[in-house]
Amino acid sequence: MSFTELCIYQVKPQKAAEFEALMLEAKHFLEKQEGLLFLRFIKRGYRIDMEQIKEGLPPLAIPVL
């Protein structure tokens, strides 16, 4: 039986570097787990705004600081 987990995190811009460092630690930990078949982290270039999604508008881009 396979299991898939999808997590979406929205991080404040001033905490992005701290969060990315934490995700690197998590990656190293998870890769050591027995039975792991595939692990992927993706950095989004947009932010989630439920009102825009409801209106059918495209997501707002995250400004690069």
PDB file of N, CA and C in Angstrom:
ATOM      1  N   MET A   1       0.847  -1.165   0.000  1.00  0.00           N
ATOM      2  CA  MET A   1       0.000   0.000   0.000  1.00  0.00           C
ATOM      3  C   MET A   1       0.898   1.236   0.000  1.00  0.00           C
ATOM      4  N   SER A   2       0.588   2.196  -0.848  1.00  0.00           N
ATOM      5  CA  SER A   2       1.376   3.422  -0.881  1.00  0.00           C
ATOM      6  C   SER A   2       0.607   4.546  -0.188  1.00  0.00           C
ATOM      7  N   PHE A   3       1.335   5.528   0.239  1.00  0.00           N
ATOM      8  CA  PHE A   3       0.775   6.653   0.969  1.00  0.00           C
ATOM      9  C   PHE A   3       1.381   7.929   0.396  1.00  0.00           C
ATOM     10  N   THR A   4       0.558   8.927   0.154  1.00  0.00           N
ATOM     11  CA  THR A   4       1.019  10.213  -0.362  1.00  0.00           C
ATOM     12  C   THR A   4       0.605  11.302   0.600  1.00  0.00           C
ATOM     13  N   GLU A   5       1.532  12.203   0.900  1.00  0.00           N
ATOM     14  CA  GLU A   5       1.227  13.343   1.763  1.00  0.00           C
ATOM     15  C   GLU A   5       1.625  14.614   1.033  1.00  0.00           C
ATOM     16  N   LEU A   6       0.740  15.590   1.045  1.00  0.00           N
ATOM     17  CA  LEU A   6       0.984  16.879   0.415  1.00  0.00           C
ATOM     18  C   LEU A   6       0.766  17.954   1.467  1.00  0.00           C
ATOM     19  N   CYS A   7       1.753  18.808   1.656  1.00  0.00           N
ATOM     20  CA  CYS A   7       1.657  19.896   2.627  1.00  0.00           C
ATOM     21  C   CYS A   7       1.958  21.211   1.923  1.00  0.00           C
ATOM     22  N   ILE A   8       1.190  22.229   2.223  1.00  0.00           N
ATOM     23  CA  ILE A   8       1.432  23.562   1.682  1.00  0.00           C
ATOM     24  C   ILE A   8       1.640  24.496   2.865  1.00  0.00           C
ATOM     25  N   TYR A   9       2.767  25.183   2.857  1.00  0.00           N
ATOM     26  CA  TYR A   9       3.094  26.129   3.921  1.00  0.00           C
ATOM     27  C   TYR A   9       3.154  27.528   3.345  1.00  0.00           C
ATOM     28  N   GLN A  10       2.546  28.464   4.026  1.00  0.00           N
ATOM     29  CA  GLN A  10       2.650  29.871   3.643  1.00  0.00           C
ATOM     30  C   GLN A  10       3.470  30.548   4.735  1.00  0.00           C
ATOM     31  N   VAL A  11       4.632  31.072   4.348  1.00  0.00           N
ATOM     32  CA  VAL A  11       5.609  31.592   5.296  1.00  0.00           C
ATOM     33  C   VAL A  11       5.767  33.093   5.102  1.00  0.00           C
ATOM     34  N   LYS A  12       5.865  33.808   6.204  1.00  0.00           N
ATOM     35  CA  LYS A  12       6.100  35.250   6.121  1.00  0.00           C
ATOM     36  C   LYS A  12       7.440  35.502   5.442  1.00  0.00           C
ATOM     37  N   PRO A  13       7.539  36.522   4.589  1.00  0.00           N
ATOM     38  CA  PRO A  13       8.783  36.780   3.856  1.00  0.00           C
ATOM     39  C   PRO A  13      10.016  36.900   4.753  1.00  0.00           C
ATOM     40  N   GLN A  14       9.877  37.497   5.916  1.00  0.00           N
ATOM     41  CA  GLN A  14      11.022  37.672   6.811  1.00  0.00           C
ATOM     42  C   GLN A  14      11.451  36.363   7.473  1.00  0.00           C
ATOM     43  N   LYS A  15      10.644  35.317   7.366  1.00  0.00           N
ATOM     44  CA  LYS A  15      10.966  34.010   7.952  1.00  0.00           C
ATOM     45  C   LYS A  15      11.346  32.971   6.892  1.00  0.00           C
ATOM     46  N   ALA A  16      11.416  33.365   5.626  1.00  0.00           N
ATOM     47  CA  ALA A  16      11.652  32.418   4.540  1.00  0.00           C
ATOM     48  C   ALA A  16      12.985  31.683   4.686  1.00  0.00           C
ATOM     49  N   ALA A  17      14.058  32.384   4.984  1.00  0.00           N
ATOM     50  CA  ALA A  17      15.374  31.746   5.104  1.00  0.00           C
ATOM     51  C   ALA A  17      15.385  30.737   6.249  1.00  0.00           C
ATOM     52  N   GLU A  18      14.779  31.103   7.369  1.00  0.00           N
ATOM     53  CA  GLU A  18      14.698  30.202   8.527  1.00  0.00           C
ATOM     54  C   GLU A  18      13.886  28.953   8.181  1.00  0.00           C
ATOM     55  N   PHE A  19      12.784  29.147   7.472  1.00  0.00           N
ATOM     56  CA  PHE A  19      11.928  28.028   7.084  1.00  0.00           C
ATOM     57  C   PHE A  19      12.654  27.091   6.115  1.00  0.00           C
ATOM     58  N   GLU A  20      13.361  27.648   5.136  1.00  0.00           N
ATOM     59  CA  GLU A  20      14.075  26.825   4.169  1.00  0.00           C
ATOM     60  C   GLU A  20      15.174  26.008   4.848  1.00  0.00           C
ATOM     61  N   ALA A  21      15.842  26.588   5.841  1.00  0.00           N
ATOM     62  CA  ALA A  21      16.862  25.848   6.599  1.00  0.00           C
ATOM     63  C   ALA A  21      16.208  24.696   7.365  1.00  0.00           C
ATOM     64  N   LEU A  22      15.050  24.946   7.942  1.00  0.00           N
ATOM     65  CA  LEU A  22      14.323  23.905   8.668  1.00  0.00           C
ATOM     66  C   LEU A  22      13.891  22.783   7.722  1.00  0.00           C
ATOM     67  N   MET A  23      13.459  23.134   6.514  1.00  0.00           N
ATOM     68  CA  MET A  23      13.054  22.121   5.542  1.00  0.00           C
ATOM     69  C   MET A  23      14.242  21.279   5.088  1.00  0.00           C
ATOM     70  N   LEU A  24      15.440  21.850   5.030  1.00  0.00           N
ATOM     71  CA  LEU A  24      16.635  21.060   4.705  1.00  0.00           C
ATOM     72  C   LEU A  24      16.909  20.027   5.790  1.00  0.00           C
ATOM     73  N   GLU A  25      16.733  20.420   7.049  1.00  0.00           N
ATOM     74  CA  GLU A  25      16.881  19.472   8.159  1.00  0.00           C
ATOM     75  C   GLU A  25      15.839  18.360   8.044  1.00  0.00           C
ATOM     76  N   ALA A  26      14.600  18.743   7.739  1.00  0.00           N
ATOM     77  CA  ALA A  26      13.522  17.761   7.597  1.00  0.00           C
ATOM     78  C   ALA A  26      13.827  16.801   6.448  1.00  0.00           C
ATOM     79  N   LYS A  27      14.361  17.332   5.361  1.00  0.00           N
ATOM     80  CA  LYS A  27      14.697  16.495   4.199  1.00  0.00           C
ATOM     81  C   LYS A  27      15.723  15.433   4.585  1.00  0.00           C
ATOM     82  N   HIS A  28      16.780  15.839   5.272  1.00  0.00           N
ATOM     83  CA  HIS A  28      17.818  14.887   5.678  1.00  0.00           C
ATOM     84  C   HIS A  28      17.236  13.817   6.613  1.00  0.00           C
ATOM     85  N   PHE A  29      16.362  14.226   7.512  1.00  0.00           N
ATOM     86  CA  PHE A  29      15.724  13.277   8.429  1.00  0.00           C
ATOM     87  C   PHE A  29      14.829  12.302   7.669  1.00  0.00           C
ATOM     88  N   LEU A  30      13.986  12.819   6.787  1.00  0.00           N
ATOM     89  CA  LEU A  30      13.030  11.977   6.072  1.00  0.00           C
ATOM     90  C   LEU A  30      13.716  11.008   5.123  1.00  0.00           C
ATOM     91  N   GLU A  31      14.818  11.419   4.510  1.00  0.00           N
ATOM     92  CA  GLU A  31      15.521  10.540   3.573  1.00  0.00           C
ATOM     93  C   GLU A  31      16.106   9.307   4.265  1.00  0.00           C
ATOM     94  N   LYS A  32      16.307   9.384   5.567  1.00  0.00           N
ATOM     95  CA  LYS A  32      16.846   8.258   6.326  1.00  0.00           C
ATOM     96  C   LYS A  32      15.763   7.245   6.720  1.00  0.00           C
ATOM     97  N   GLN A  33      14.502   7.603   6.539  1.00  0.00           N
ATOM     98  CA  GLN A  33      13.411   6.738   6.969  1.00  0.00           C
ATOM     99  C   GLN A  33      13.276   5.526   6.045  1.00  0.00           C
ATOM    100  N   GLU A  34      13.118   4.368   6.652  1.00  0.00           N
ATOM    101  CA  GLU A  34      12.960   3.133   5.896  1.00  0.00           C
ATOM    102  C   GLU A  34      11.634   3.159   5.135  1.00  0.00           C
ATOM    103  N   GLY A  35      11.678   2.742   3.900  1.00  0.00           N
ATOM    104  CA  GLY A  35      10.458   2.639   3.104  1.00  0.00           C
ATOM    105  C   GLY A  35      10.140   3.873   2.282  1.00  0.00           C
ATOM    106  N   LEU A  36      10.897   4.966   2.445  1.00  0.00           N
ATOM    107  CA  LEU A  36      10.643   6.171   1.661  1.00  0.00           C
ATOM    108  C   LEU A  36      10.974   5.902   0.202  1.00  0.00           C
ATOM    109  N   LEU A  37      10.028   6.133  -0.674  1.00  0.00           N
ATOM    110  CA  LEU A  37      10.244   5.891  -2.093  1.00  0.00           C
ATOM    111  C   LEU A  37      10.594   7.167  -2.844  1.00  0.00           C
ATOM    112  N   PHE A  38       9.977   8.276  -2.471  1.00  0.00           N
ATOM    113  CA  PHE A  38      10.142   9.502  -3.248  1.00  0.00           C
ATOM    114  C   PHE A  38       9.866  10.694  -2.348  1.00  0.00           C
ATOM    115  N   LEU A  39      10.703  11.706  -2.423  1.00  0.00           N
ATOM    116  CA  LEU A  39      10.538  12.918  -1.622  1.00  0.00           C
ATOM    117  C   LEU A  39      10.826  14.106  -2.513  1.00  0.00           C
ATOM    118  N   ARG A  40       9.931  15.080  -2.511  1.00  0.00           N
ATOM    119  CA  ARG A  40      10.130  16.262  -3.336  1.00  0.00           C
ATOM    120  C   ARG A  40       9.650  17.492  -2.576  1.00  0.00           C
ATOM    121  N   PHE A  41      10.444  18.545  -2.618  1.00  0.00           N
ATOM    122  CA  PHE A  41      10.061  19.847  -2.074  1.00  0.00           C
ATOM    123  C   PHE A  41      10.004  20.828  -3.232  1.00  0.00           C
ATOM    124  N   ILE A  42       8.975  21.637  -3.269  1.00  0.00           N
ATOM    125  CA  ILE A  42       8.801  22.607  -4.339  1.00  0.00           C
ATOM    126  C   ILE A  42       8.571  23.975  -3.712  1.00  0.00           C
ATOM    127  N   LYS A  43       9.301  24.956  -4.179  1.00  0.00           N
ATOM    128  CA  LYS A  43       9.116  26.325  -3.695  1.00  0.00           C
ATOM    129  C   LYS A  43       8.173  27.038  -4.662  1.00  0.00           C
ATOM    130  N   ARG A  44       7.080  27.523  -4.121  1.00  0.00           N
ATOM    131  CA  ARG A  44       6.085  28.198  -4.953  1.00  0.00           C
ATOM    132  C   ARG A  44       6.507  29.631  -5.242  1.00  0.00           C
ATOM    133  N   GLY A  45       6.054  30.154  -6.363  1.00  0.00           N
ATOM    134  CA  GLY A  45       6.321  31.539  -6.727  1.00  0.00           C
ATOM    135  C   GLY A  45       5.068  32.380  -6.636  1.00  0.00           C
ATOM    136  N   TYR A  46       4.078  31.894  -5.919  1.00  0.00           N
ATOM    137  CA  TYR A  46       2.818  32.611  -5.756  1.00  0.00           C
ATOM    138  C   TYR A  46       2.271  32.337  -4.376  1.00  0.00           C
ATOM    139  N   ARG A  47       1.296  33.131  -3.952  1.00  0.00           N
ATOM    140  CA  ARG A  47       0.682  32.899  -2.647  1.00  0.00           C
ATOM    141  C   ARG A  47      -0.785  32.538  -2.833  1.00  0.00           C
ATOM    142  N   ILE A  48      -1.293  31.808  -1.879  1.00  0.00           N
ATOM    143  CA  ILE A  48      -2.675  31.344  -1.948  1.00  0.00           C
ATOM    144  C   ILE A  48      -3.603  32.426  -1.400  1.00  0.00           C
ATOM    145  N   ASP A  49      -4.574  32.793  -2.183  1.00  0.00           N
ATOM    146  CA  ASP A  49      -5.600  33.750  -1.774  1.00  0.00           C
ATOM    147  C   ASP A  49      -6.938  33.129  -2.156  1.00  0.00           C
ATOM    148  N   MET A  50      -7.643  32.594  -1.158  1.00  0.00           N
ATOM    149  CA  MET A  50      -8.875  31.848  -1.434  1.00  0.00           C
ATOM    150  C   MET A  50      -9.927  32.690  -2.154  1.00  0.00           C
ATOM    151  N   GLU A  51      -9.985  33.982  -1.889  1.00  0.00           N
ATOM    152  CA  GLU A  51     -10.969  34.842  -2.572  1.00  0.00           C
ATOM    153  C   GLU A  51     -10.689  34.891  -4.069  1.00  0.00           C
ATOM    154  N   GLN A  52      -9.424  35.006  -4.440  1.00  0.00           N
ATOM    155  CA  GLN A  52      -9.078  35.038  -5.864  1.00  0.00           C
ATOM    156  C   GLN A  52      -9.388  33.709  -6.526  1.00  0.00           C
ATOM    157  N   ILE A  53      -9.142  32.618  -5.815  1.00  0.00           N
ATOM    158  CA  ILE A  53      -9.429  31.306  -6.365  1.00  0.00           C
ATOM    159  C   ILE A  53     -10.934  31.169  -6.609  1.00  0.00           C
ATOM    160  N   LYS A  54     -11.735  31.613  -5.645  1.00  0.00           N
ATOM    161  CA  LYS A  54     -13.194  31.534  -5.794  1.00  0.00           C
ATOM    162  C   LYS A  54     -13.673  32.346  -6.993  1.00  0.00           C
ATOM    163  N   GLU A  55     -13.001  33.464  -7.272  1.00  0.00           N
ATOM    164  CA  GLU A  55     -13.391  34.323  -8.389  1.00  0.00           C
ATOM    165  C   GLU A  55     -12.804  33.850  -9.715  1.00  0.00           C
ATOM    166  N   GLY A  56     -11.964  32.817  -9.676  1.00  0.00           N
ATOM    167  CA  GLY A  56     -11.372  32.286 -10.894  1.00  0.00           C
ATOM    168  C   GLY A  56     -10.184  33.087 -11.397  1.00  0.00           C
ATOM    169  N   LEU A  57      -9.626  33.942 -10.551  1.00  0.00           N
ATOM    170  CA  LEU A  57      -8.478  34.758 -10.946  1.00  0.00           C
ATOM    171  C   LEU A  57      -7.173  34.000 -10.704  1.00  0.00           C
ATOM    172  N   PRO A  58      -6.111  34.339 -11.434  1.00  0.00           N
ATOM    173  CA  PRO A  58      -4.826  33.659 -11.210  1.00  0.00           C
ATOM    174  C   PRO A  58      -4.235  34.041  -9.858  1.00  0.00           C
ATOM    175  N   PRO A  59      -3.347  33.207  -9.316  1.00  0.00           N
ATOM    176  CA  PRO A  59      -2.745  33.503  -8.017  1.00  0.00           C
ATOM    177  C   PRO A  59      -1.819  34.719  -8.083  1.00  0.00           C
ATOM    178  N   LEU A  60      -1.617  35.346  -6.944  1.00  0.00           N
ATOM    179  CA  LEU A  60      -0.730  36.510  -6.853  1.00  0.00           C
ATOM    180  C   LEU A  60       0.716  36.040  -6.763  1.00  0.00           C
ATOM    181  N   ALA A  61       1.577  36.678  -7.525  1.00  0.00           N
ATOM    182  CA  ALA A  61       3.004  36.325  -7.501  1.00  0.00           C
ATOM    183  C   ALA A  61       3.624  36.776  -6.177  1.00  0.00           C
ATOM    184  N   ILE A  62       4.600  35.997  -5.705  1.00  0.00           N
ATOM    185  CA  ILE A  62       5.343  36.369  -4.512  1.00  0.00           C
ATOM    186  C   ILE A  62       6.512  37.227  -4.972  1.00  0.00           C
ATOM    187  N   PRO A  63       6.613  38.466  -4.473  1.00  0.00           N
ATOM    188  CA  PRO A  63       7.732  39.311  -4.902  1.00  0.00           C
ATOM    189  C   PRO A  63       9.056  38.755  -4.383  1.00  0.00           C
ATOM    190  N   VAL A  64      10.071  38.780  -5.212  1.00  0.00           N
ATOM    191  CA  VAL A  64      11.397  38.302  -4.813  1.00  0.00           C
ATOM    192  C   VAL A  64      12.102  39.437  -4.111  1.00  0.00           C
ATOM    193  N   LEU A  65      12.506  39.173  -2.857  1.00  0.00           N
ATOM    194  CA  LEU A  65      13.160  40.223  -2.061  1.00  0.00           C
ATOM    195  C   LEU A  65      14.649  40.142  -2.170  1.00  0.00           C
TER     196      LEU A  65
END
